[in-house]
Amino acid sequence: MSTGELVERFAIDRVGRASAVFDEQKLRWMNGRFMREADLEEYERRLSDHLARTDAGAAGAFAAADPELRSSACEIVQEKAQTIAEIWPLISFLFVEPEPDPAAWRKVMKPAVANPLRLALEALAGIGEWDVAEIELVLRGLLEREQLSARKVLQPIRVAISGGSVSPGIFESLAALGRERSLSRIEAAVEQLDAAANSPD
């Protein structure tokens, strides 16, 4: 409602006596719904404005990126973020080399995931058309063929490419990141796991 409508409808005798409650969770839900319904161009513009106000480095990285990447990044995060401040942390790995989260690495990147991650790397390297549908088809096929859980394959891939354990959808993230950078980051994670396994410590 507009301010005028609120003034017109307000009546002091209808004001409740109970103490008002500020429901932050409901506000976040409402804001998230508003953001999901926003036009993609408007969404991208609002993110750009927010970064310009809060983080010059991020604003520069976002502005310098290919327009198609900016659009793809906003599209894949739109269903996940509930506030404008949550967007960049979820998609920054698409624009800059991520700083690995030590807690996520310790929790997810156990020695047992090295071989499944290596199998995923081989499967992804053989993809012809690098898009969401093909990536999902290949990775789900690997899970079924090797009797592996998503926890042992998809979550390690997430940590390898984004640096953390939270990101937009993994198939969409891989597609947006692109073949070369995705394979490079997964390969680096496999090498790090192998190095840790062979370390005398």
N, C-alpha and C. Protein backbone atom coordinates (compact mmCIF):
# COMPACT_ATOMS: atom_id res chain seq x y z
N MET A 1 0.83 -1.20 0.00
CA MET A 1 0.00 0.00 0.00
C MET A 1 0.87 1.24 0.00
N SER A 2 0.35 2.29 -0.61
CA SER A 2 1.07 3.56 -0.62
C SER A 2 0.89 4.24 0.74
N THR A 3 1.68 5.29 0.99
CA THR A 3 1.55 6.04 2.25
C THR A 3 0.15 6.62 2.37
N GLY A 4 -0.39 7.13 1.27
CA GLY A 4 -1.74 7.70 1.30
C GLY A 4 -2.79 6.68 1.70
N GLU A 5 -2.65 5.46 1.15
CA GLU A 5 -3.62 4.40 1.49
C GLU A 5 -3.51 4.02 2.96
N LEU A 6 -2.28 3.97 3.47
CA LEU A 6 -2.08 3.64 4.89
C LEU A 6 -2.74 4.69 5.79
N VAL A 7 -2.56 5.98 5.44
CA VAL A 7 -3.16 7.06 6.22
C VAL A 7 -4.68 6.97 6.18
N GLU A 8 -5.22 6.71 5.00
CA GLU A 8 -6.67 6.64 4.83
C GLU A 8 -7.28 5.49 5.63
N ARG A 9 -6.58 4.35 5.69
CA ARG A 9 -7.13 3.18 6.36
C ARG A 9 -6.85 3.13 7.87
N PHE A 10 -5.95 3.98 8.32
CA PHE A 10 -5.57 3.93 9.74
C PHE A 10 -6.72 4.41 10.63
N ALA A 11 -6.95 3.69 11.72
CA ALA A 11 -7.94 4.10 12.72
C ALA A 11 -7.38 3.76 14.09
N ILE A 12 -7.32 4.74 14.98
CA ILE A 12 -6.68 4.53 16.29
C ILE A 12 -7.40 3.46 17.10
N ASP A 13 -8.74 3.34 16.89
CA ASP A 13 -9.48 2.34 17.68
C ASP A 13 -9.19 0.91 17.23
N ARG A 14 -8.50 0.76 16.08
CA ARG A 14 -8.16 -0.59 15.60
C ARG A 14 -6.73 -0.98 15.96
N VAL A 15 -6.02 -0.10 16.65
CA VAL A 15 -4.65 -0.41 17.05
C VAL A 15 -4.69 -1.43 18.19
N GLY A 16 -3.96 -2.55 18.03
CA GLY A 16 -3.95 -3.60 19.04
C GLY A 16 -3.25 -3.17 20.32
N ARG A 17 -3.67 -3.74 21.43
CA ARG A 17 -3.07 -3.41 22.73
C ARG A 17 -1.81 -4.23 23.00
N ALA A 18 -1.71 -5.37 22.33
CA ALA A 18 -0.55 -6.24 22.59
C ALA A 18 0.72 -5.59 22.04
N SER A 19 1.85 -5.96 22.64
CA SER A 19 3.14 -5.43 22.19
C SER A 19 3.41 -5.88 20.76
N ALA A 20 3.95 -4.98 19.99
CA ALA A 20 4.28 -5.31 18.60
C ALA A 20 5.45 -6.28 18.55
N VAL A 21 5.45 -7.15 17.55
CA VAL A 21 6.55 -8.11 17.38
C VAL A 21 7.16 -7.89 16.00
N PHE A 22 8.47 -7.72 15.99
CA PHE A 22 9.19 -7.58 14.72
C PHE A 22 9.67 -8.96 14.31
N ASP A 23 9.04 -9.53 13.30
CA ASP A 23 9.34 -10.89 12.86
C ASP A 23 10.39 -10.82 11.73
N GLU A 24 11.65 -10.92 12.10
CA GLU A 24 12.72 -10.78 11.11
C GLU A 24 12.69 -11.92 10.09
N GLN A 25 12.35 -13.11 10.55
CA GLN A 25 12.29 -14.25 9.63
C GLN A 25 11.26 -14.04 8.54
N LYS A 26 10.09 -13.52 8.95
CA LYS A 26 9.04 -13.27 7.97
C LYS A 26 9.45 -12.16 7.02
N LEU A 27 10.13 -11.16 7.55
CA LEU A 27 10.60 -10.06 6.69
C LEU A 27 11.59 -10.59 5.66
N ARG A 28 12.51 -11.47 6.10
CA ARG A 28 13.48 -12.05 5.17
C ARG A 28 12.76 -12.87 4.09
N TRP A 29 11.75 -13.63 4.50
CA TRP A 29 10.99 -14.43 3.55
C TRP A 29 10.30 -13.53 2.52
N MET A 30 9.68 -12.44 3.01
CA MET A 30 8.99 -11.52 2.12
C MET A 30 9.98 -10.84 1.16
N ASN A 31 11.13 -10.47 1.69
CA ASN A 31 12.14 -9.82 0.86
C ASN A 31 12.66 -10.79 -0.20
N GLY A 32 12.87 -12.05 0.22
CA GLY A 32 13.33 -13.07 -0.72
C GLY A 32 12.32 -13.29 -1.84
N ARG A 33 11.05 -13.28 -1.49
CA ARG A 33 10.00 -13.44 -2.50
C ARG A 33 10.01 -12.27 -3.47
N PHE A 34 10.16 -11.07 -2.94
CA PHE A 34 10.23 -9.87 -3.79
C PHE A 34 11.42 -9.97 -4.74
N MET A 35 12.57 -10.42 -4.22
CA MET A 35 13.77 -10.52 -5.05
C MET A 35 13.61 -11.58 -6.14
N ARG A 36 12.97 -12.70 -5.80
CA ARG A 36 12.78 -13.77 -6.79
C ARG A 36 11.87 -13.33 -7.93
N GLU A 37 10.95 -12.43 -7.63
CA GLU A 37 10.01 -11.97 -8.64
C GLU A 37 10.53 -10.79 -9.46
N ALA A 38 11.69 -10.26 -9.06
CA ALA A 38 12.24 -9.10 -9.75
C ALA A 38 12.70 -9.46 -11.16
N ASP A 39 12.59 -8.51 -12.06
CA ASP A 39 13.12 -8.67 -13.41
C ASP A 39 14.64 -8.85 -13.32
N LEU A 40 15.20 -9.72 -14.15
CA LEU A 40 16.63 -10.04 -14.05
C LEU A 40 17.52 -8.82 -14.25
N GLU A 41 17.16 -7.95 -15.17
CA GLU A 41 17.95 -6.73 -15.39
C GLU A 41 17.92 -5.83 -14.16
N GLU A 42 16.75 -5.71 -13.54
CA GLU A 42 16.62 -4.90 -12.33
C GLU A 42 17.41 -5.53 -11.19
N TYR A 43 17.36 -6.84 -11.10
CA TYR A 43 18.10 -7.58 -10.07
C TYR A 43 19.59 -7.29 -10.20
N GLU A 44 20.09 -7.39 -11.43
CA GLU A 44 21.51 -7.14 -11.69
C GLU A 44 21.88 -5.70 -11.37
N ARG A 45 21.00 -4.76 -11.71
CA ARG A 45 21.28 -3.35 -11.44
C ARG A 45 21.33 -3.08 -9.94
N ARG A 46 20.40 -3.68 -9.20
CA ARG A 46 20.38 -3.48 -7.75
C ARG A 46 21.64 -4.06 -7.09
N LEU A 47 22.07 -5.23 -7.58
CA LEU A 47 23.30 -5.81 -7.04
C LEU A 47 24.49 -4.90 -7.34
N SER A 48 24.56 -4.40 -8.57
CA SER A 48 25.65 -3.52 -8.97
C SER A 48 25.69 -2.27 -8.09
N ASP A 49 24.52 -1.69 -7.83
CA ASP A 49 24.44 -0.49 -6.98
C ASP A 49 24.87 -0.81 -5.56
N HIS A 50 24.43 -1.97 -5.06
CA HIS A 50 24.80 -2.38 -3.69
C HIS A 50 26.31 -2.55 -3.56
N LEU A 51 26.93 -3.22 -4.53
CA LEU A 51 28.38 -3.43 -4.49
C LEU A 51 29.12 -2.11 -4.59
N ALA A 52 28.62 -1.19 -5.40
CA ALA A 52 29.26 0.12 -5.53
C ALA A 52 29.27 0.86 -4.20
N ARG A 53 28.25 0.63 -3.38
CA ARG A 53 28.17 1.30 -2.07
C ARG A 53 28.99 0.59 -1.01
N THR A 54 29.18 -0.70 -1.15
CA THR A 54 29.73 -1.48 -0.03
C THR A 54 31.10 -2.12 -0.26
N ASP A 55 31.47 -2.40 -1.51
CA ASP A 55 32.70 -3.15 -1.77
C ASP A 55 33.26 -2.79 -3.14
N ALA A 56 34.21 -1.88 -3.16
CA ALA A 56 34.76 -1.38 -4.43
C ALA A 56 35.40 -2.49 -5.25
N GLY A 57 36.10 -3.40 -4.58
CA GLY A 57 36.75 -4.50 -5.29
C GLY A 57 35.75 -5.41 -5.97
N ALA A 58 34.71 -5.78 -5.24
CA ALA A 58 33.66 -6.63 -5.80
C ALA A 58 32.93 -5.91 -6.92
N ALA A 59 32.66 -4.61 -6.72
CA ALA A 59 31.97 -3.83 -7.75
C ALA A 59 32.78 -3.81 -9.04
N GLY A 60 34.10 -3.66 -8.90
CA GLY A 60 34.97 -3.64 -10.07
C GLY A 60 34.99 -4.97 -10.79
N ALA A 61 35.08 -6.06 -10.01
CA ALA A 61 35.11 -7.40 -10.60
C ALA A 61 33.79 -7.70 -11.32
N PHE A 62 32.69 -7.30 -10.70
CA PHE A 62 31.38 -7.56 -11.30
C PHE A 62 31.21 -6.74 -12.58
N ALA A 63 31.59 -5.47 -12.53
CA ALA A 63 31.43 -4.59 -13.69
C ALA A 63 32.31 -5.01 -14.85
N ALA A 64 33.52 -5.54 -14.54
CA ALA A 64 34.48 -5.90 -15.59
C ALA A 64 34.16 -7.24 -16.25
N ALA A 65 33.26 -8.01 -15.64
CA ALA A 65 32.96 -9.35 -16.16
C ALA A 65 32.12 -9.28 -17.42
N ASP A 66 32.16 -10.37 -18.16
CA ASP A 66 31.35 -10.50 -19.37
C ASP A 66 29.87 -10.34 -18.99
N PRO A 67 29.11 -9.55 -19.76
CA PRO A 67 27.68 -9.35 -19.45
C PRO A 67 26.90 -10.67 -19.32
N GLU A 68 27.28 -11.65 -20.12
CA GLU A 68 26.59 -12.94 -20.06
C GLU A 68 26.84 -13.63 -18.72
N LEU A 69 28.06 -13.50 -18.19
CA LEU A 69 28.37 -14.09 -16.89
C LEU A 69 27.60 -13.37 -15.79
N ARG A 70 27.53 -12.05 -15.86
CA ARG A 70 26.77 -11.30 -14.84
C ARG A 70 25.31 -11.74 -14.83
N SER A 71 24.75 -11.89 -16.02
CA SER A 71 23.36 -12.30 -16.13
C SER A 71 23.16 -13.73 -15.61
N SER A 72 24.06 -14.63 -15.98
CA SER A 72 23.96 -16.03 -15.53
C SER A 72 24.09 -16.13 -14.02
N ALA A 73 25.03 -15.36 -13.46
CA ALA A 73 25.25 -15.39 -12.01
C ALA A 73 24.01 -14.93 -11.26
N CYS A 74 23.40 -13.85 -11.73
CA CYS A 74 22.19 -13.35 -11.07
C CYS A 74 21.04 -14.33 -11.22
N GLU A 75 20.96 -14.95 -12.37
CA GLU A 75 19.87 -15.90 -12.62
C GLU A 75 19.95 -17.11 -11.68
N ILE A 76 21.16 -17.64 -11.48
CA ILE A 76 21.27 -18.87 -10.68
C ILE A 76 21.19 -18.60 -9.18
N VAL A 77 21.41 -17.34 -8.76
CA VAL A 77 21.36 -17.04 -7.33
C VAL A 77 20.00 -16.49 -6.91
N GLN A 78 19.18 -16.13 -7.88
CA GLN A 78 17.93 -15.44 -7.58
C GLN A 78 17.00 -16.26 -6.69
N GLU A 79 17.02 -17.58 -6.84
CA GLU A 79 16.15 -18.43 -6.02
C GLU A 79 16.69 -18.65 -4.61
N LYS A 80 17.96 -18.36 -4.40
CA LYS A 80 18.60 -18.71 -3.13
C LYS A 80 18.73 -17.54 -2.16
N ALA A 81 19.15 -16.38 -2.67
CA ALA A 81 19.41 -15.24 -1.79
C ALA A 81 18.11 -14.60 -1.32
N GLN A 82 18.07 -14.22 -0.06
CA GLN A 82 16.88 -13.56 0.49
C GLN A 82 17.09 -12.06 0.69
N THR A 83 18.35 -11.63 0.72
CA THR A 83 18.65 -10.21 0.83
C THR A 83 19.73 -9.85 -0.18
N ILE A 84 19.82 -8.58 -0.52
CA ILE A 84 20.80 -8.14 -1.50
C ILE A 84 22.22 -8.39 -1.01
N ALA A 85 22.41 -8.34 0.32
CA ALA A 85 23.75 -8.54 0.89
C ALA A 85 24.22 -9.98 0.78
N GLU A 86 23.29 -10.91 0.58
CA GLU A 86 23.67 -12.33 0.48
C GLU A 86 24.14 -12.73 -0.91
N ILE A 87 23.88 -11.89 -1.91
CA ILE A 87 24.13 -12.31 -3.29
C ILE A 87 25.61 -12.49 -3.59
N TRP A 88 26.42 -11.45 -3.33
CA TRP A 88 27.83 -11.52 -3.72
C TRP A 88 28.58 -12.68 -3.07
N PRO A 89 28.42 -12.93 -1.76
CA PRO A 89 29.11 -14.08 -1.16
C PRO A 89 28.78 -15.40 -1.83
N LEU A 90 27.59 -15.51 -2.41
CA LEU A 90 27.18 -16.76 -3.06
C LEU A 90 27.72 -16.90 -4.47
N ILE A 91 28.01 -15.79 -5.14
CA ILE A 91 28.43 -15.87 -6.55
C ILE A 91 29.83 -15.31 -6.81
N SER A 92 30.50 -14.82 -5.78
CA SER A 92 31.81 -14.19 -6.00
C SER A 92 32.81 -15.13 -6.66
N PHE A 93 32.68 -16.44 -6.42
CA PHE A 93 33.62 -17.41 -6.99
C PHE A 93 33.56 -17.44 -8.52
N LEU A 94 32.47 -16.91 -9.09
CA LEU A 94 32.35 -16.86 -10.54
C LEU A 94 33.17 -15.70 -11.13
N PHE A 95 33.54 -14.75 -10.30
CA PHE A 95 34.20 -13.54 -10.77
C PHE A 95 35.64 -13.40 -10.31
N VAL A 96 35.94 -13.95 -9.14
CA VAL A 96 37.31 -13.88 -8.60
C VAL A 96 37.71 -15.26 -8.10
N GLU A 97 38.99 -15.51 -8.01
CA GLU A 97 39.47 -16.79 -7.47
C GLU A 97 39.07 -16.87 -6.00
N PRO A 98 38.36 -17.94 -5.62
CA PRO A 98 37.85 -17.99 -4.24
C PRO A 98 38.93 -18.27 -3.20
N GLU A 99 38.70 -17.70 -2.03
CA GLU A 99 39.53 -18.02 -0.86
C GLU A 99 38.90 -19.23 -0.19
N PRO A 100 39.60 -20.36 -0.13
CA PRO A 100 38.99 -21.56 0.48
C PRO A 100 38.63 -21.34 1.95
N ASP A 101 37.47 -21.84 2.32
CA ASP A 101 37.02 -21.78 3.71
C ASP A 101 37.60 -22.99 4.43
N PRO A 102 38.52 -22.78 5.37
CA PRO A 102 39.17 -23.91 6.06
C PRO A 102 38.17 -24.85 6.73
N ALA A 103 37.11 -24.30 7.29
CA ALA A 103 36.11 -25.14 7.97
C ALA A 103 35.40 -26.04 6.96
N ALA A 104 35.05 -25.49 5.82
CA ALA A 104 34.38 -26.29 4.78
C ALA A 104 35.31 -27.36 4.25
N TRP A 105 36.57 -27.00 4.06
CA TRP A 105 37.53 -27.98 3.55
C TRP A 105 37.70 -29.14 4.54
N ARG A 106 37.86 -28.82 5.82
CA ARG A 106 38.03 -29.87 6.84
C ARG A 106 36.80 -30.79 6.90
N LYS A 107 35.63 -30.20 6.78
CA LYS A 107 34.40 -30.97 6.92
C LYS A 107 34.11 -31.84 5.70
N VAL A 108 34.37 -31.32 4.52
CA VAL A 108 33.96 -32.00 3.29
C VAL A 108 35.09 -32.78 2.62
N MET A 109 36.28 -32.18 2.57
CA MET A 109 37.34 -32.77 1.76
C MET A 109 38.16 -33.80 2.54
N LYS A 110 37.49 -34.89 2.91
CA LYS A 110 38.15 -36.00 3.59
C LYS A 110 38.93 -36.83 2.56
N PRO A 111 39.89 -37.63 3.00
CA PRO A 111 40.64 -38.48 2.07
C PRO A 111 39.74 -39.35 1.19
N ALA A 112 38.60 -39.77 1.73
CA ALA A 112 37.71 -40.68 1.00
C ALA A 112 37.07 -40.05 -0.23
N VAL A 113 37.09 -38.71 -0.34
CA VAL A 113 36.44 -38.09 -1.50
C VAL A 113 37.42 -37.87 -2.66
N ALA A 114 38.70 -38.16 -2.44
CA ALA A 114 39.69 -37.91 -3.49
C ALA A 114 39.39 -38.70 -4.76
N ASN A 115 39.13 -39.99 -4.62
CA ASN A 115 38.89 -40.81 -5.81
C ASN A 115 37.56 -40.46 -6.49
N PRO A 116 36.45 -40.30 -5.73
CA PRO A 116 35.21 -39.86 -6.37
C PRO A 116 35.37 -38.52 -7.10
N LEU A 117 36.14 -37.62 -6.52
CA LEU A 117 36.37 -36.32 -7.16
C LEU A 117 37.17 -36.48 -8.44
N ARG A 118 38.11 -37.42 -8.41
CA ARG A 118 38.92 -37.72 -9.61
C ARG A 118 38.03 -38.30 -10.72
N LEU A 119 37.11 -39.18 -10.33
CA LEU A 119 36.17 -39.75 -11.30
C LEU A 119 35.26 -38.67 -11.89
N ALA A 120 34.83 -37.75 -11.04
CA ALA A 120 33.98 -36.65 -11.50
C ALA A 120 34.75 -35.76 -12.48
N LEU A 121 36.01 -35.52 -12.18
CA LEU A 121 36.85 -34.71 -13.07
C LEU A 121 36.95 -35.36 -14.45
N GLU A 122 37.17 -36.67 -14.47
CA GLU A 122 37.27 -37.39 -15.75
C GLU A 122 35.95 -37.35 -16.51
N ALA A 123 34.85 -37.53 -15.79
CA ALA A 123 33.54 -37.52 -16.43
C ALA A 123 33.22 -36.14 -17.01
N LEU A 124 33.51 -35.10 -16.26
CA LEU A 124 33.23 -33.74 -16.72
C LEU A 124 34.12 -33.35 -17.89
N ALA A 125 35.35 -33.83 -17.87
CA ALA A 125 36.29 -33.50 -18.96
C ALA A 125 35.82 -34.05 -20.30
N GLY A 126 34.98 -35.09 -20.26
CA GLY A 126 34.52 -35.71 -21.49
C GLY A 126 33.23 -35.13 -22.04
N ILE A 127 32.70 -34.11 -21.37
CA ILE A 127 31.43 -33.52 -21.81
C ILE A 127 31.63 -32.76 -23.13
N GLY A 128 30.69 -32.95 -24.06
CA GLY A 128 30.76 -32.24 -25.32
C GLY A 128 30.21 -30.83 -25.20
N GLU A 129 28.93 -30.73 -24.82
CA GLU A 129 28.26 -29.43 -24.68
C GLU A 129 28.23 -29.06 -23.21
N TRP A 130 28.95 -28.01 -22.84
CA TRP A 130 29.06 -27.62 -21.43
C TRP A 130 27.84 -26.79 -21.04
N ASP A 131 26.77 -27.47 -20.65
CA ASP A 131 25.58 -26.76 -20.19
C ASP A 131 24.97 -27.51 -19.01
N VAL A 132 23.98 -26.89 -18.38
CA VAL A 132 23.41 -27.44 -17.15
C VAL A 132 22.89 -28.86 -17.35
N ALA A 133 22.13 -29.07 -18.43
CA ALA A 133 21.52 -30.39 -18.66
C ALA A 133 22.57 -31.47 -18.83
N GLU A 134 23.60 -31.20 -19.59
CA GLU A 134 24.64 -32.21 -19.85
C GLU A 134 25.47 -32.47 -18.59
N ILE A 135 25.79 -31.41 -17.86
CA ILE A 135 26.56 -31.56 -16.62
C ILE A 135 25.79 -32.42 -15.62
N GLU A 136 24.51 -32.13 -15.46
CA GLU A 136 23.69 -32.91 -14.52
C GLU A 136 23.58 -34.36 -14.97
N LEU A 137 23.37 -34.58 -16.26
CA LEU A 137 23.26 -35.93 -16.79
C LEU A 137 24.52 -36.75 -16.51
N VAL A 138 25.67 -36.15 -16.76
CA VAL A 138 26.95 -36.85 -16.58
C VAL A 138 27.21 -37.13 -15.10
N LEU A 139 26.97 -36.15 -14.24
CA LEU A 139 27.28 -36.35 -12.82
C LEU A 139 26.29 -37.31 -12.16
N ARG A 140 25.02 -37.22 -12.52
CA ARG A 140 24.05 -38.17 -11.95
C ARG A 140 24.33 -39.58 -12.46
N GLY A 141 24.77 -39.68 -13.70
CA GLY A 141 25.15 -40.98 -14.25
C GLY A 141 26.32 -41.57 -13.50
N LEU A 142 27.29 -40.72 -13.13
CA LEU A 142 28.44 -41.17 -12.36
C LEU A 142 28.02 -41.68 -10.98
N LEU A 143 27.13 -40.94 -10.32
CA LEU A 143 26.65 -41.36 -8.99
C LEU A 143 26.00 -42.74 -9.06
N GLU A 144 25.18 -42.93 -10.08
CA GLU A 144 24.47 -44.21 -10.22
C GLU A 144 25.42 -45.34 -10.60
N ARG A 145 26.30 -45.05 -11.54
CA ARG A 145 27.21 -46.09 -12.04
C ARG A 145 28.18 -46.55 -10.96
N GLU A 146 28.70 -45.62 -10.18
CA GLU A 146 29.70 -45.94 -9.16
C GLU A 146 29.10 -46.15 -7.77
N GLN A 147 27.77 -46.07 -7.68
CA GLN A 147 27.08 -46.25 -6.39
C GLN A 147 27.63 -45.27 -5.36
N LEU A 148 27.71 -44.01 -5.75
CA LEU A 148 28.26 -42.97 -4.87
C LEU A 148 27.15 -42.05 -4.41
N SER A 149 27.29 -41.51 -3.21
CA SER A 149 26.31 -40.55 -2.71
C SER A 149 26.68 -39.15 -3.20
N ALA A 150 25.67 -38.29 -3.26
CA ALA A 150 25.91 -36.90 -3.67
C ALA A 150 26.90 -36.23 -2.71
N ARG A 151 26.85 -36.64 -1.45
CA ARG A 151 27.74 -36.07 -0.44
C ARG A 151 29.21 -36.31 -0.76
N LYS A 152 29.47 -37.42 -1.44
CA LYS A 152 30.87 -37.76 -1.76
C LYS A 152 31.33 -37.20 -3.10
N VAL A 153 30.41 -36.66 -3.87
CA VAL A 153 30.79 -36.14 -5.19
C VAL A 153 30.40 -34.67 -5.36
N LEU A 154 29.11 -34.38 -5.21
CA LEU A 154 28.64 -33.03 -5.51
C LEU A 154 29.12 -31.99 -4.51
N GLN A 155 29.10 -32.35 -3.23
CA GLN A 155 29.56 -31.38 -2.23
C GLN A 155 31.07 -31.11 -2.35
N PRO A 156 31.91 -32.12 -2.56
CA PRO A 156 33.33 -31.83 -2.80
C PRO A 156 33.56 -30.97 -4.04
N ILE A 157 32.76 -31.18 -5.09
CA ILE A 157 32.87 -30.32 -6.27
C ILE A 157 32.53 -28.88 -5.89
N ARG A 158 31.50 -28.71 -5.09
CA ARG A 158 31.09 -27.38 -4.65
C ARG A 158 32.24 -26.67 -3.93
N VAL A 159 32.86 -27.38 -3.00
CA VAL A 159 33.97 -26.79 -2.25
C VAL A 159 35.15 -26.49 -3.18
N ALA A 160 35.39 -27.41 -4.11
CA ALA A 160 36.52 -27.23 -5.05
C ALA A 160 36.34 -25.99 -5.92
N ILE A 161 35.13 -25.75 -6.41
CA ILE A 161 34.96 -24.63 -7.34
C ILE A 161 34.62 -23.31 -6.67
N SER A 162 33.97 -23.37 -5.48
CA SER A 162 33.53 -22.12 -4.85
C SER A 162 34.33 -21.74 -3.62
N GLY A 163 35.07 -22.72 -3.07
CA GLY A 163 35.83 -22.46 -1.86
C GLY A 163 35.06 -22.70 -0.58
N GLY A 164 33.73 -22.87 -0.69
CA GLY A 164 32.90 -23.08 0.49
C GLY A 164 31.86 -24.16 0.27
N SER A 165 31.03 -24.37 1.29
CA SER A 165 30.05 -25.45 1.22
C SER A 165 28.67 -24.96 0.83
N VAL A 166 28.55 -23.65 0.54
CA VAL A 166 27.25 -23.09 0.14
C VAL A 166 27.43 -22.32 -1.16
N SER A 167 26.56 -22.63 -2.12
CA SER A 167 26.59 -21.93 -3.41
C SER A 167 25.24 -22.11 -4.07
N PRO A 168 25.00 -21.46 -5.19
CA PRO A 168 23.79 -21.80 -5.94
C PRO A 168 23.86 -23.26 -6.40
N GLY A 169 22.86 -23.74 -7.11
CA GLY A 169 22.83 -25.13 -7.56
C GLY A 169 24.14 -25.54 -8.21
N ILE A 170 24.62 -26.73 -7.88
CA ILE A 170 25.95 -27.14 -8.32
C ILE A 170 26.04 -27.27 -9.84
N PHE A 171 25.01 -27.79 -10.49
CA PHE A 171 25.06 -27.95 -11.94
C PHE A 171 25.05 -26.57 -12.62
N GLU A 172 24.22 -25.67 -12.10
CA GLU A 172 24.16 -24.31 -12.63
C GLU A 172 25.46 -23.56 -12.37
N SER A 173 26.07 -23.81 -11.21
CA SER A 173 27.33 -23.15 -10.87
C SER A 173 28.45 -23.58 -11.80
N LEU A 174 28.53 -24.87 -12.08
CA LEU A 174 29.54 -25.39 -13.00
C LEU A 174 29.35 -24.80 -14.40
N ALA A 175 28.10 -24.76 -14.84
CA ALA A 175 27.82 -24.22 -16.18
C ALA A 175 28.22 -22.76 -16.27
N ALA A 176 27.89 -21.98 -15.24
CA ALA A 176 28.21 -20.55 -15.25
C ALA A 176 29.72 -20.31 -15.16
N LEU A 177 30.39 -21.12 -14.37
CA LEU A 177 31.84 -20.96 -14.20
C LEU A 177 32.59 -21.29 -15.48
N GLY A 178 32.06 -22.21 -16.26
CA GLY A 178 32.69 -22.57 -17.52
C GLY A 178 33.57 -23.80 -17.40
N ARG A 179 33.80 -24.46 -18.52
CA ARG A 179 34.56 -25.71 -18.54
C ARG A 179 35.97 -25.55 -17.98
N GLU A 180 36.72 -24.60 -18.53
CA GLU A 180 38.15 -24.49 -18.20
C GLU A 180 38.37 -24.21 -16.72
N ARG A 181 37.65 -23.23 -16.18
CA ARG A 181 37.86 -22.89 -14.77
C ARG A 181 37.33 -23.98 -13.85
N SER A 182 36.23 -24.60 -14.22
CA SER A 182 35.67 -25.68 -13.39
C SER A 182 36.66 -26.84 -13.29
N LEU A 183 37.13 -27.31 -14.44
CA LEU A 183 38.05 -28.45 -14.44
C LEU A 183 39.35 -28.11 -13.73
N SER A 184 39.83 -26.89 -13.92
CA SER A 184 41.08 -26.46 -13.28
C SER A 184 40.97 -26.48 -11.76
N ARG A 185 39.85 -25.98 -11.24
CA ARG A 185 39.67 -25.92 -9.78
C ARG A 185 39.47 -27.31 -9.19
N ILE A 186 38.75 -28.16 -9.89
CA ILE A 186 38.55 -29.53 -9.39
C ILE A 186 39.88 -30.28 -9.41
N GLU A 187 40.65 -30.09 -10.48
CA GLU A 187 41.95 -30.75 -10.57
C GLU A 187 42.88 -30.28 -9.44
N ALA A 188 42.85 -28.99 -9.14
CA ALA A 188 43.68 -28.45 -8.05
C ALA A 188 43.27 -29.06 -6.71
N ALA A 189 41.96 -29.26 -6.51
CA ALA A 189 41.49 -29.87 -5.26
C ALA A 189 41.94 -31.32 -5.15
N VAL A 190 41.89 -32.05 -6.26
CA VAL A 190 42.35 -33.45 -6.27
C VAL A 190 43.84 -33.49 -5.92
N GLU A 191 44.62 -32.61 -6.52
CA GLU A 191 46.05 -32.57 -6.24
C GLU A 191 46.33 -32.24 -4.79
N GLN A 192 45.52 -31.34 -4.22
CA GLN A 192 45.72 -30.99 -2.82
C GLN A 192 45.38 -32.17 -1.91
N LEU A 193 44.32 -32.89 -2.24
CA LEU A 193 43.96 -34.08 -1.46
C LEU A 193 45.04 -35.16 -1.56
N ASP A 194 45.58 -35.34 -2.77
CA ASP A 194 46.64 -36.33 -2.96
C ASP A 194 47.90 -35.95 -2.19
N ALA A 195 48.22 -34.66 -2.22
CA ALA A 195 49.41 -34.18 -1.50
C ALA A 195 49.25 -34.40 0.00
N ALA A 196 48.04 -34.14 0.51
CA ALA A 196 47.79 -34.33 1.94
C ALA A 196 47.88 -35.80 2.31
N ALA A 197 47.40 -36.68 1.42
CA ALA A 197 47.44 -38.13 1.69
C ALA A 197 48.85 -38.65 1.70
N ASN A 198 49.72 -38.07 0.88
CA ASN A 198 51.11 -38.53 0.77
C ASN A 198 52.07 -37.82 1.71
N SER A 199 51.53 -36.86 2.46
CA SER A 199 52.37 -36.10 3.38
C SER A 199 52.76 -36.97 4.57
N PRO A 200 54.02 -36.93 5.02
CA PRO A 200 54.43 -37.74 6.17
C PRO A 200 53.72 -37.33 7.46
N ASP A 201 53.21 -36.08 7.51
CA ASP A 201 52.48 -35.63 8.69
C ASP A 201 51.07 -36.20 8.72
